[in-house]
Amino acid sequence: MNSIKRSQLEDILLQDCQLRDNNLVLISESDWHVDGTFVIHSLLSLYQKENYNICFLAISQSVGHYLSVSKKIATDLKPSIDSNKLIMVDGLKLLGLSVVKDCVDINIQSIQDIETNFEDVFRKNSLQKLLDLLNSNVDKLYSQSNGSPTVLMIDNISFLLTLGISYKDIVIFCHSLSRHLKETSRGTLVMLSSVYGEDDKSEALTNYFKHISSTCLEINSLSSGYCKDVHGELKITRKRKLERQKKIEKTLQFKISDKSIKLWALGLSSAVL
């Protein structure tokens, strides 16, 4: 039997995150100067290689973007989609259709008949239909899973703030998703949360999810400023089940290239010594 080939970051995530022992995995971006989507791509690839059932909500990038990047890093998502192991919800596209439906003449029936599940988000600031859609997809995956674990991934939960959804409603939405995952499949919720500049709401939301997460992957820029050889730091914090047990923490520095991410321990790069 051939061994599964994993990237350096995937090996680190598999070893340090204890994938099957999480309720909530948060990827947090501390500021505008860092981009944590490389962790989303790596986790998506890793969950696929570990035979997870995956529901992925793409709201900050299109599904096409994730399919393209997956091929670039030698992880083709298409077979998992075709075998119903992976359900991709193109939230960015559905949101766009909702905006179009709200603007065009009501007589254009071909557009008006499209059910996007994002109309209530756009028109009523309600997440109920989106919640129902994601829970339905989780149920579908679990019913055909044959014991395989299930994960629900959201590429940027903070994006909902920009659509006018309140902090409170986003928190309730995520708790509802997490509860449904736990009750139906003992699954895991994975999501990225960003701090938008000086925006207090996105900072508060990110800090709240950091507090309740079982594992937090925090992407930070260098305190020393920009460096071409070191793009930032990845801090991994995993909480233990018993409160009296000390958290496990590890901080690595990273550099991102077109097709790979290199990581190393603090103090090993002469560029930031």
C-alpha atoms as a PDB file:
ATOM      1  CA  MET A   1       0.000   0.000   0.000  1.00  0.00           C
ATOM      2  CA  ASN A   2       1.420   3.412  -0.994  1.00  0.00           C
ATOM      3  CA  SER A   3       1.914   5.966   1.752  1.00  0.00           C
ATOM      4  CA  ILE A   4       0.071   9.265   1.494  1.00  0.00           C
ATOM      5  CA  LYS A   5       2.305  12.107   0.397  1.00  0.00           C
ATOM      6  CA  ARG A   6       1.804  15.206   2.524  1.00  0.00           C
ATOM      7  CA  SER A   7       3.360  18.643   2.502  1.00  0.00           C
ATOM      8  CA  GLN A   8       5.447  19.947   5.409  1.00  0.00           C
ATOM      9  CA  LEU A   9       2.546  22.088   6.646  1.00  0.00           C
ATOM     10  CA  GLU A  10       0.091  19.184   6.345  1.00  0.00           C
ATOM     11  CA  ASP A  11       2.391  17.001   8.468  1.00  0.00           C
ATOM     12  CA  ILE A  12       2.584  19.743  11.106  1.00  0.00           C
ATOM     13  CA  LEU A  13      -1.194  20.214  11.124  1.00  0.00           C
ATOM     14  CA  LEU A  14      -1.786  16.462  11.360  1.00  0.00           C
ATOM     15  CA  GLN A  15       0.647  16.085  14.258  1.00  0.00           C
ATOM     16  CA  ASP A  16      -0.159  19.219  16.267  1.00  0.00           C
ATOM     17  CA  CYS A  17      -3.889  19.737  15.650  1.00  0.00           C
ATOM     18  CA  GLN A  18      -5.176  16.227  16.472  1.00  0.00           C
ATOM     19  CA  LEU A  19      -7.790  16.472  13.709  1.00  0.00           C
ATOM     20  CA  ARG A  20     -10.304  14.026  15.161  1.00  0.00           C
ATOM     21  CA  ASP A  21     -10.260  15.633  18.610  1.00  0.00           C
ATOM     22  CA  ASN A  22     -11.642  19.082  17.788  1.00  0.00           C
ATOM     23  CA  ASN A  23     -14.999  20.834  17.936  1.00  0.00           C
ATOM     24  CA  LEU A  24     -13.800  24.119  16.446  1.00  0.00           C
ATOM     25  CA  VAL A  25     -10.602  24.834  14.546  1.00  0.00           C
ATOM     26  CA  LEU A  26     -10.034  28.546  13.953  1.00  0.00           C
ATOM     27  CA  ILE A  27      -7.598  30.134  11.533  1.00  0.00           C
ATOM     28  CA  SER A  28      -7.191  33.762  12.583  1.00  0.00           C
ATOM     29  CA  GLU A  29      -5.626  36.604  10.616  1.00  0.00           C
ATOM     30  CA  SER A  30      -4.327  39.212  13.022  1.00  0.00           C
ATOM     31  CA  ASP A  31      -4.202  42.120  10.565  1.00  0.00           C
ATOM     32  CA  TRP A  32      -4.382  43.219   6.920  1.00  0.00           C
ATOM     33  CA  HIS A  33      -0.716  42.425   6.332  1.00  0.00           C
ATOM     34  CA  VAL A  34      -1.136  38.653   6.537  1.00  0.00           C
ATOM     35  CA  ASP A  35      -3.179  36.153   4.528  1.00  0.00           C
ATOM     36  CA  GLY A  36      -4.188  32.910   6.204  1.00  0.00           C
ATOM     37  CA  THR A  37      -5.835  31.282   3.201  1.00  0.00           C
ATOM     38  CA  PHE A  38      -2.775  29.070   2.677  1.00  0.00           C
ATOM     39  CA  VAL A  39      -3.808  27.269   5.888  1.00  0.00           C
ATOM     40  CA  ILE A  40      -7.348  26.808   4.521  1.00  0.00           C
ATOM     41  CA  HIS A  41      -5.910  25.277   1.333  1.00  0.00           C
ATOM     42  CA  SER A  42      -3.613  22.988   3.337  1.00  0.00           C
ATOM     43  CA  LEU A  43      -6.379  21.822   5.682  1.00  0.00           C
ATOM     44  CA  LEU A  44      -8.729  21.175   2.765  1.00  0.00           C
ATOM     45  CA  SER A  45      -6.034  19.063   1.121  1.00  0.00           C
ATOM     46  CA  LEU A  46      -5.229  17.270   4.379  1.00  0.00           C
ATOM     47  CA  TYR A  47      -8.852  16.451   5.210  1.00  0.00           C
ATOM     48  CA  GLN A  48      -9.244  15.018   1.725  1.00  0.00           C
ATOM     49  CA  LYS A  49      -6.152  12.824   2.115  1.00  0.00           C
ATOM     50  CA  GLU A  50      -7.396  11.660   5.538  1.00  0.00           C
ATOM     51  CA  ASN A  51     -10.679  10.480   3.951  1.00  0.00           C
ATOM     52  CA  TYR A  52     -12.950  13.040   5.625  1.00  0.00           C
ATOM     53  CA  ASN A  53     -16.375  13.951   4.326  1.00  0.00           C
ATOM     54  CA  ILE A  54     -16.133  17.682   3.650  1.00  0.00           C
ATOM     55  CA  CYS A  55     -18.685  20.452   3.215  1.00  0.00           C
ATOM     56  CA  PHE A  56     -16.922  23.654   2.161  1.00  0.00           C
ATOM     57  CA  LEU A  57     -18.566  27.089   2.116  1.00  0.00           C
ATOM     58  CA  ALA A  58     -16.629  29.504  -0.089  1.00  0.00           C
ATOM     59  CA  ILE A  59     -17.682  33.093   0.555  1.00  0.00           C
ATOM     60  CA  SER A  60     -14.487  35.112   0.200  1.00  0.00           C
ATOM     61  CA  GLN A  61     -13.278  33.287  -2.942  1.00  0.00           C
ATOM     62  CA  SER A  62     -15.060  31.332  -5.667  1.00  0.00           C
ATOM     63  CA  VAL A  63     -15.145  27.545  -5.845  1.00  0.00           C
ATOM     64  CA  GLY A  64     -13.220  27.848  -9.111  1.00  0.00           C
ATOM     65  CA  HIS A  65     -10.385  29.515  -7.206  1.00  0.00           C
ATOM     66  CA  TYR A  66     -10.100  26.592  -4.795  1.00  0.00           C
ATOM     67  CA  LEU A  67     -10.195  24.045  -7.603  1.00  0.00           C
ATOM     68  CA  SER A  68      -7.417  25.939  -9.405  1.00  0.00           C
ATOM     69  CA  VAL A  69      -5.206  26.245  -6.332  1.00  0.00           C
ATOM     70  CA  SER A  70      -5.693  22.577  -5.434  1.00  0.00           C
ATOM     71  CA  LYS A  71      -4.242  21.530  -8.788  1.00  0.00           C
ATOM     72  CA  LYS A  72      -1.318  23.920  -8.313  1.00  0.00           C
ATOM     73  CA  ILE A  73      -0.405  22.245  -5.006  1.00  0.00           C
ATOM     74  CA  ALA A  74      -0.916  18.770  -6.506  1.00  0.00           C
ATOM     75  CA  THR A  75      -4.216  18.024  -4.740  1.00  0.00           C
ATOM     76  CA  ASP A  76      -7.079  17.560  -7.173  1.00  0.00           C
ATOM     77  CA  LEU A  77     -10.450  18.146  -5.485  1.00  0.00           C
ATOM     78  CA  LYS A  78     -12.507  16.962  -8.460  1.00  0.00           C
ATOM     79  CA  PRO A  79     -12.438  13.204  -7.629  1.00  0.00           C
ATOM     80  CA  SER A  80     -13.791  13.918  -4.133  1.00  0.00           C
ATOM     81  CA  ILE A  81     -16.564  16.072  -5.595  1.00  0.00           C
ATOM     82  CA  ASP A  82     -17.459  13.389  -8.136  1.00  0.00           C
ATOM     83  CA  SER A  83     -17.576  10.695  -5.445  1.00  0.00           C
ATOM     84  CA  ASN A  84     -19.755  12.880  -3.166  1.00  0.00           C
ATOM     85  CA  LYS A  85     -17.065  13.051  -0.489  1.00  0.00           C
ATOM     86  CA  LEU A  86     -16.787  16.816  -0.935  1.00  0.00           C
ATOM     87  CA  ILE A  87     -19.634  19.317  -1.314  1.00  0.00           C
ATOM     88  CA  MET A  88     -18.530  22.789  -2.403  1.00  0.00           C
ATOM     89  CA  VAL A  89     -21.022  25.608  -1.776  1.00  0.00           C
ATOM     90  CA  ASP A  90     -20.119  28.589  -3.977  1.00  0.00           C
ATOM     91  CA  GLY A  91     -21.301  31.306  -1.625  1.00  0.00           C
ATOM     92  CA  LEU A  92     -19.586  34.071  -3.584  1.00  0.00           C
ATOM     93  CA  LYS A  93     -21.478  33.091  -6.749  1.00  0.00           C
ATOM     94  CA  LEU A  94     -24.785  32.670  -4.927  1.00  0.00           C
ATOM     95  CA  LEU A  95     -24.372  36.054  -3.275  1.00  0.00           C
ATOM     96  CA  GLY A  96     -23.767  37.613  -6.674  1.00  0.00           C
ATOM     97  CA  LEU A  97     -26.951  36.039  -8.044  1.00  0.00           C
ATOM     98  CA  SER A  98     -28.883  37.390  -5.062  1.00  0.00           C
ATOM     99  CA  VAL A  99     -27.645  40.907  -5.792  1.00  0.00           C
ATOM    100  CA  VAL A 100     -28.585  40.526  -9.473  1.00  0.00           C
ATOM    101  CA  LYS A 101     -32.073  39.265  -8.611  1.00  0.00           C
ATOM    102  CA  ASP A 102     -32.582  42.234  -6.338  1.00  0.00           C
ATOM    103  CA  CYS A 103     -31.627  44.705  -9.068  1.00  0.00           C
ATOM    104  CA  VAL A 104     -33.093  43.342 -12.311  1.00  0.00           C
ATOM    105  CA  ASP A 105     -36.617  43.719 -13.652  1.00  0.00           C
ATOM    106  CA  ILE A 106     -38.897  41.156 -12.012  1.00  0.00           C
ATOM    107  CA  ASN A 107     -40.068  40.001 -15.463  1.00  0.00           C
ATOM    108  CA  ILE A 108     -36.711  38.357 -16.189  1.00  0.00           C
ATOM    109  CA  GLN A 109     -38.032  35.022 -15.006  1.00  0.00           C
ATOM    110  CA  SER A 110     -34.894  32.972 -15.739  1.00  0.00           C
ATOM    111  CA  ILE A 111     -33.049  34.914 -13.059  1.00  0.00           C
ATOM    112  CA  GLN A 112     -35.949  35.335 -10.670  1.00  0.00           C
ATOM    113  CA  ASP A 113     -36.520  31.588 -10.452  1.00  0.00           C
ATOM    114  CA  ILE A 114     -33.005  30.888  -9.200  1.00  0.00           C
ATOM    115  CA  GLU A 115     -33.012  29.846  -5.533  1.00  0.00           C
ATOM    116  CA  THR A 116     -29.698  30.999  -4.112  1.00  0.00           C
ATOM    117  CA  ASN A 117     -30.028  30.500  -0.325  1.00  0.00           C
ATOM    118  CA  PHE A 118     -28.242  33.827  -0.030  1.00  0.00           C
ATOM    119  CA  GLU A 119     -31.267  36.006  -0.727  1.00  0.00           C
ATOM    120  CA  ASP A 120     -32.197  36.187   2.957  1.00  0.00           C
ATOM    121  CA  VAL A 121     -28.604  37.074   3.812  1.00  0.00           C
ATOM    122  CA  PHE A 122     -28.652  39.939   1.337  1.00  0.00           C
ATOM    123  CA  ARG A 123     -32.226  41.185   1.821  1.00  0.00           C
ATOM    124  CA  LYS A 124     -33.130  40.305   5.404  1.00  0.00           C
ATOM    125  CA  ASN A 125     -29.751  39.881   7.128  1.00  0.00           C
ATOM    126  CA  SER A 126     -30.900  36.373   8.008  1.00  0.00           C
ATOM    127  CA  LEU A 127     -28.654  33.280   8.046  1.00  0.00           C
ATOM    128  CA  GLN A 128     -31.431  30.708   8.537  1.00  0.00           C
ATOM    129  CA  LYS A 129     -31.611  29.436   4.939  1.00  0.00           C
ATOM    130  CA  LEU A 130     -27.841  29.208   4.743  1.00  0.00           C
ATOM    131  CA  LEU A 131     -27.814  27.324   8.057  1.00  0.00           C
ATOM    132  CA  ASP A 132     -30.436  24.888   6.740  1.00  0.00           C
ATOM    133  CA  LEU A 133     -28.452  24.334   3.534  1.00  0.00           C
ATOM    134  CA  LEU A 134     -25.188  23.581   5.350  1.00  0.00           C
ATOM    135  CA  ASN A 135     -26.851  21.304   7.904  1.00  0.00           C
ATOM    136  CA  SER A 136     -28.591  19.453   5.085  1.00  0.00           C
ATOM    137  CA  ASN A 137     -25.248  18.925   3.339  1.00  0.00           C
ATOM    138  CA  VAL A 138     -23.690  17.639   6.570  1.00  0.00           C
ATOM    139  CA  ASP A 139     -26.578  15.171   6.971  1.00  0.00           C
ATOM    140  CA  LYS A 140     -26.163  14.033   3.370  1.00  0.00           C
ATOM    141  CA  LEU A 141     -22.429  13.439   3.824  1.00  0.00           C
ATOM    142  CA  TYR A 142     -22.898  11.598   7.106  1.00  0.00           C
ATOM    143  CA  SER A 143     -25.638   9.327   5.719  1.00  0.00           C
ATOM    144  CA  GLN A 144     -23.239   7.957   3.123  1.00  0.00           C
ATOM    145  CA  SER A 145     -20.049   8.185   5.190  1.00  0.00           C
ATOM    146  CA  ASN A 146     -19.577   4.572   6.314  1.00  0.00           C
ATOM    147  CA  GLY A 147     -17.971   5.844   9.496  1.00  0.00           C
ATOM    148  CA  SER A 148     -15.724   8.490   7.953  1.00  0.00           C
ATOM    149  CA  PRO A 149     -15.498  11.717   9.982  1.00  0.00           C
ATOM    150  CA  THR A 150     -17.155  14.901   8.738  1.00  0.00           C
ATOM    151  CA  VAL A 151     -15.820  18.456   8.625  1.00  0.00           C
ATOM    152  CA  LEU A 152     -17.559  21.713   7.716  1.00  0.00           C
ATOM    153  CA  MET A 153     -15.206  24.450   6.485  1.00  0.00           C
ATOM    154  CA  ILE A 154     -15.944  28.180   6.015  1.00  0.00           C
ATOM    155  CA  ASP A 155     -13.248  30.176   4.247  1.00  0.00           C
ATOM    156  CA  ASN A 156     -13.924  33.492   6.033  1.00  0.00           C
ATOM    157  CA  ILE A 157     -16.691  33.870   8.602  1.00  0.00           C
ATOM    158  CA  SER A 158     -15.830  37.568   9.131  1.00  0.00           C
ATOM    159  CA  PHE A 159     -16.976  38.308   5.579  1.00  0.00           C
ATOM    160  CA  LEU A 160     -20.565  38.050   6.828  1.00  0.00           C
ATOM    161  CA  LEU A 161     -20.008  41.235   8.842  1.00  0.00           C
ATOM    162  CA  THR A 162     -19.479  43.135   5.584  1.00  0.00           C
ATOM    163  CA  LEU A 163     -22.921  41.949   4.413  1.00  0.00           C
ATOM    164  CA  GLY A 164     -24.612  43.566   7.390  1.00  0.00           C
ATOM    165  CA  ILE A 165     -24.970  40.438   9.531  1.00  0.00           C
ATOM    166  CA  SER A 166     -24.639  41.264  13.222  1.00  0.00           C
ATOM    167  CA  TYR A 167     -21.948  39.910  15.534  1.00  0.00           C
ATOM    168  CA  LYS A 168     -24.642  38.182  17.616  1.00  0.00           C
ATOM    169  CA  ASP A 169     -26.259  36.456  14.622  1.00  0.00           C
ATOM    170  CA  ILE A 170     -22.889  35.190  13.339  1.00  0.00           C
ATOM    171  CA  VAL A 171     -22.072  33.732  16.760  1.00  0.00           C
ATOM    172  CA  ILE A 172     -25.494  32.029  16.965  1.00  0.00           C
ATOM    173  CA  PHE A 173     -25.048  30.739  13.388  1.00  0.00           C
ATOM    174  CA  CYS A 174     -21.665  29.163  14.191  1.00  0.00           C
ATOM    175  CA  HIS A 175     -22.853  27.662  17.473  1.00  0.00           C
ATOM    176  CA  SER A 176     -25.822  26.120  15.622  1.00  0.00           C
ATOM    177  CA  LEU A 177     -23.527  24.622  12.980  1.00  0.00           C
ATOM    178  CA  SER A 178     -21.152  23.256  15.609  1.00  0.00           C
ATOM    179  CA  ARG A 179     -23.984  21.765  17.663  1.00  0.00           C
ATOM    180  CA  HIS A 180     -25.503  20.064  14.609  1.00  0.00           C
ATOM    181  CA  LEU A 181     -22.118  18.634  13.638  1.00  0.00           C
ATOM    182  CA  LYS A 182     -21.564  17.286  17.124  1.00  0.00           C
ATOM    183  CA  GLU A 183     -25.039  15.775  17.427  1.00  0.00           C
ATOM    184  CA  THR A 184     -25.188  14.137  13.999  1.00  0.00           C
ATOM    185  CA  SER A 185     -21.647  13.117  13.155  1.00  0.00           C
ATOM    186  CA  ARG A 186     -19.273  14.209  15.928  1.00  0.00           C
ATOM    187  CA  GLY A 187     -17.848  16.451  13.239  1.00  0.00           C
ATOM    188  CA  THR A 188     -15.588  19.482  13.272  1.00  0.00           C
ATOM    189  CA  LEU A 189     -16.207  23.103  12.299  1.00  0.00           C
ATOM    190  CA  VAL A 190     -13.212  24.807  10.662  1.00  0.00           C
ATOM    191  CA  MET A 191     -13.247  28.460   9.722  1.00  0.00           C
ATOM    192  CA  LEU A 192     -11.076  31.474   9.078  1.00  0.00           C
ATOM    193  CA  SER A 193     -11.732  34.812  10.763  1.00  0.00           C
ATOM    194  CA  SER A 194     -10.091  38.108   9.790  1.00  0.00           C
ATOM    195  CA  VAL A 195      -9.484  41.386  11.567  1.00  0.00           C
ATOM    196  CA  TYR A 196     -10.341  44.163   9.114  1.00  0.00           C
ATOM    197  CA  GLY A 197      -7.967  47.021   9.928  1.00  0.00           C
ATOM    198  CA  GLU A 198      -9.315  49.040  12.858  1.00  0.00           C
ATOM    199  CA  ASP A 199     -12.753  47.408  12.732  1.00  0.00           C
ATOM    200  CA  ASP A 200     -13.810  46.625  16.301  1.00  0.00           C
ATOM    201  CA  LYS A 201     -16.512  44.136  15.289  1.00  0.00           C
ATOM    202  CA  SER A 202     -14.204  41.873  13.275  1.00  0.00           C
ATOM    203  CA  GLU A 203     -11.614  42.025  16.050  1.00  0.00           C
ATOM    204  CA  ALA A 204     -14.219  41.131  18.683  1.00  0.00           C
ATOM    205  CA  LEU A 205     -15.570  38.275  16.536  1.00  0.00           C
ATOM    206  CA  THR A 206     -12.113  36.847  15.905  1.00  0.00           C
ATOM    207  CA  ASN A 207     -11.161  37.097  19.592  1.00  0.00           C
ATOM    208  CA  TYR A 208     -14.398  35.372  20.631  1.00  0.00           C
ATOM    209  CA  PHE A 209     -13.802  32.416  18.324  1.00  0.00           C
ATOM    210  CA  LYS A 210     -10.173  32.211  19.460  1.00  0.00           C
ATOM    211  CA  HIS A 211     -11.432  31.934  23.026  1.00  0.00           C
ATOM    212  CA  ILE A 212     -13.868  29.064  22.359  1.00  0.00           C
ATOM    213  CA  SER A 213     -11.820  27.178  19.742  1.00  0.00           C
ATOM    214  CA  SER A 214     -10.266  23.834  20.592  1.00  0.00           C
ATOM    215  CA  THR A 215      -7.397  24.579  18.203  1.00  0.00           C
ATOM    216  CA  CYS A 216      -6.334  28.027  16.982  1.00  0.00           C
ATOM    217  CA  LEU A 217      -3.983  28.623  14.053  1.00  0.00           C
ATOM    218  CA  GLU A 218      -3.011  32.277  14.339  1.00  0.00           C
ATOM    219  CA  ILE A 219      -1.336  34.011  11.395  1.00  0.00           C
ATOM    220  CA  ASN A 220       0.708  37.052  12.407  1.00  0.00           C
ATOM    221  CA  SER A 221       2.912  39.481  10.534  1.00  0.00           C
ATOM    222  CA  LEU A 222       6.470  39.973  11.757  1.00  0.00           C
ATOM    223  CA  SER A 223       6.830  42.518  14.541  1.00  0.00           C
ATOM    224  CA  SER A 224      10.025  43.677  12.834  1.00  0.00           C
ATOM    225  CA  GLY A 225       8.128  44.560   9.657  1.00  0.00           C
ATOM    226  CA  TYR A 226       8.290  43.300   6.074  1.00  0.00           C
ATOM    227  CA  CYS A 227      10.954  40.759   5.139  1.00  0.00           C
ATOM    228  CA  LYS A 228      11.259  39.095   1.724  1.00  0.00           C
ATOM    229  CA  ASP A 229      12.635  35.874   3.225  1.00  0.00           C
ATOM    230  CA  VAL A 230      10.115  35.496   6.062  1.00  0.00           C
ATOM    231  CA  HIS A 231       6.453  36.279   5.379  1.00  0.00           C
ATOM    232  CA  GLY A 232       5.020  35.812   8.856  1.00  0.00           C
ATOM    233  CA  GLU A 233       4.476  33.583  11.863  1.00  0.00           C
ATOM    234  CA  LEU A 234       2.072  30.712  12.492  1.00  0.00           C
ATOM    235  CA  LYS A 235       1.160  30.175  16.142  1.00  0.00           C
ATOM    236  CA  ILE A 236      -0.565  26.867  16.898  1.00  0.00           C
ATOM    237  CA  THR A 237      -2.511  26.650  20.165  1.00  0.00           C
ATOM    238  CA  ARG A 238      -4.318  23.445  21.111  1.00  0.00           C
ATOM    239  CA  LYS A 239      -6.379  23.316  24.283  1.00  0.00           C
ATOM    240  CA  ARG A 240      -6.582  20.185  26.372  1.00  0.00           C
ATOM    241  CA  LYS A 241      -9.914  18.640  27.299  1.00  0.00           C
ATOM    242  CA  LEU A 242      -9.243  19.140  31.015  1.00  0.00           C
ATOM    243  CA  GLU A 243      -8.972  22.789  32.035  1.00  0.00           C
ATOM    244  CA  ARG A 244      -6.155  22.072  34.484  1.00  0.00           C
ATOM    245  CA  GLN A 245      -3.968  20.737  31.677  1.00  0.00           C
ATOM    246  CA  LYS A 246      -1.649  23.264  30.067  1.00  0.00           C
ATOM    247  CA  LYS A 247      -2.315  24.359  26.494  1.00  0.00           C
ATOM    248  CA  ILE A 248       0.046  23.120  23.790  1.00  0.00           C
ATOM    249  CA  GLU A 249       1.630  26.011  21.914  1.00  0.00           C
ATOM    250  CA  LYS A 250       4.072  26.173  19.014  1.00  0.00           C
ATOM    251  CA  THR A 251       5.200  29.139  16.920  1.00  0.00           C
ATOM    252  CA  LEU A 252       6.746  28.773  13.476  1.00  0.00           C
ATOM    253  CA  GLN A 253       7.881  31.219  10.836  1.00  0.00           C
ATOM    254  CA  PHE A 254       6.924  30.700   7.193  1.00  0.00           C
ATOM    255  CA  LYS A 255       7.611  31.704   3.629  1.00  0.00           C
ATOM    256  CA  ILE A 256       5.064  31.211   0.846  1.00  0.00           C
ATOM    257  CA  SER A 257       6.018  30.471  -2.760  1.00  0.00           C
ATOM    258  CA  ASP A 258       3.813  29.663  -5.765  1.00  0.00           C
ATOM    259  CA  LYS A 259       3.543  25.948  -5.041  1.00  0.00           C
ATOM    260  CA  SER A 260       4.725  25.410  -1.474  1.00  0.00           C
ATOM    261  CA  ILE A 261       5.049  26.786   2.056  1.00  0.00           C
ATOM    262  CA  LYS A 262       8.298  26.450   3.984  1.00  0.00           C
ATOM    263  CA  LEU A 263       8.191  26.537   7.788  1.00  0.00           C
ATOM    264  CA  TRP A 264      10.840  26.570  10.487  1.00  0.00           C
ATOM    265  CA  ALA A 265      11.163  27.164  14.217  1.00  0.00           C
ATOM    266  CA  LEU A 266      11.676  30.644  15.631  1.00  0.00           C
ATOM    267  CA  GLY A 267      15.277  31.833  15.577  1.00  0.00           C
ATOM    268  CA  LEU A 268      16.435  29.683  12.679  1.00  0.00           C
ATOM    269  CA  SER A 269      16.224  32.381  10.021  1.00  0.00           C
ATOM    270  CA  SER A 270      19.162  34.796   9.823  1.00  0.00           C
ATOM    271  CA  ALA A 271      16.852  37.283   8.049  1.00  0.00           C
ATOM    272  CA  VAL A 272      15.082  38.168  11.296  1.00  0.00           C
ATOM    273  CA  LEU A 273      17.776  37.514  13.888  1.00  0.00           C
END
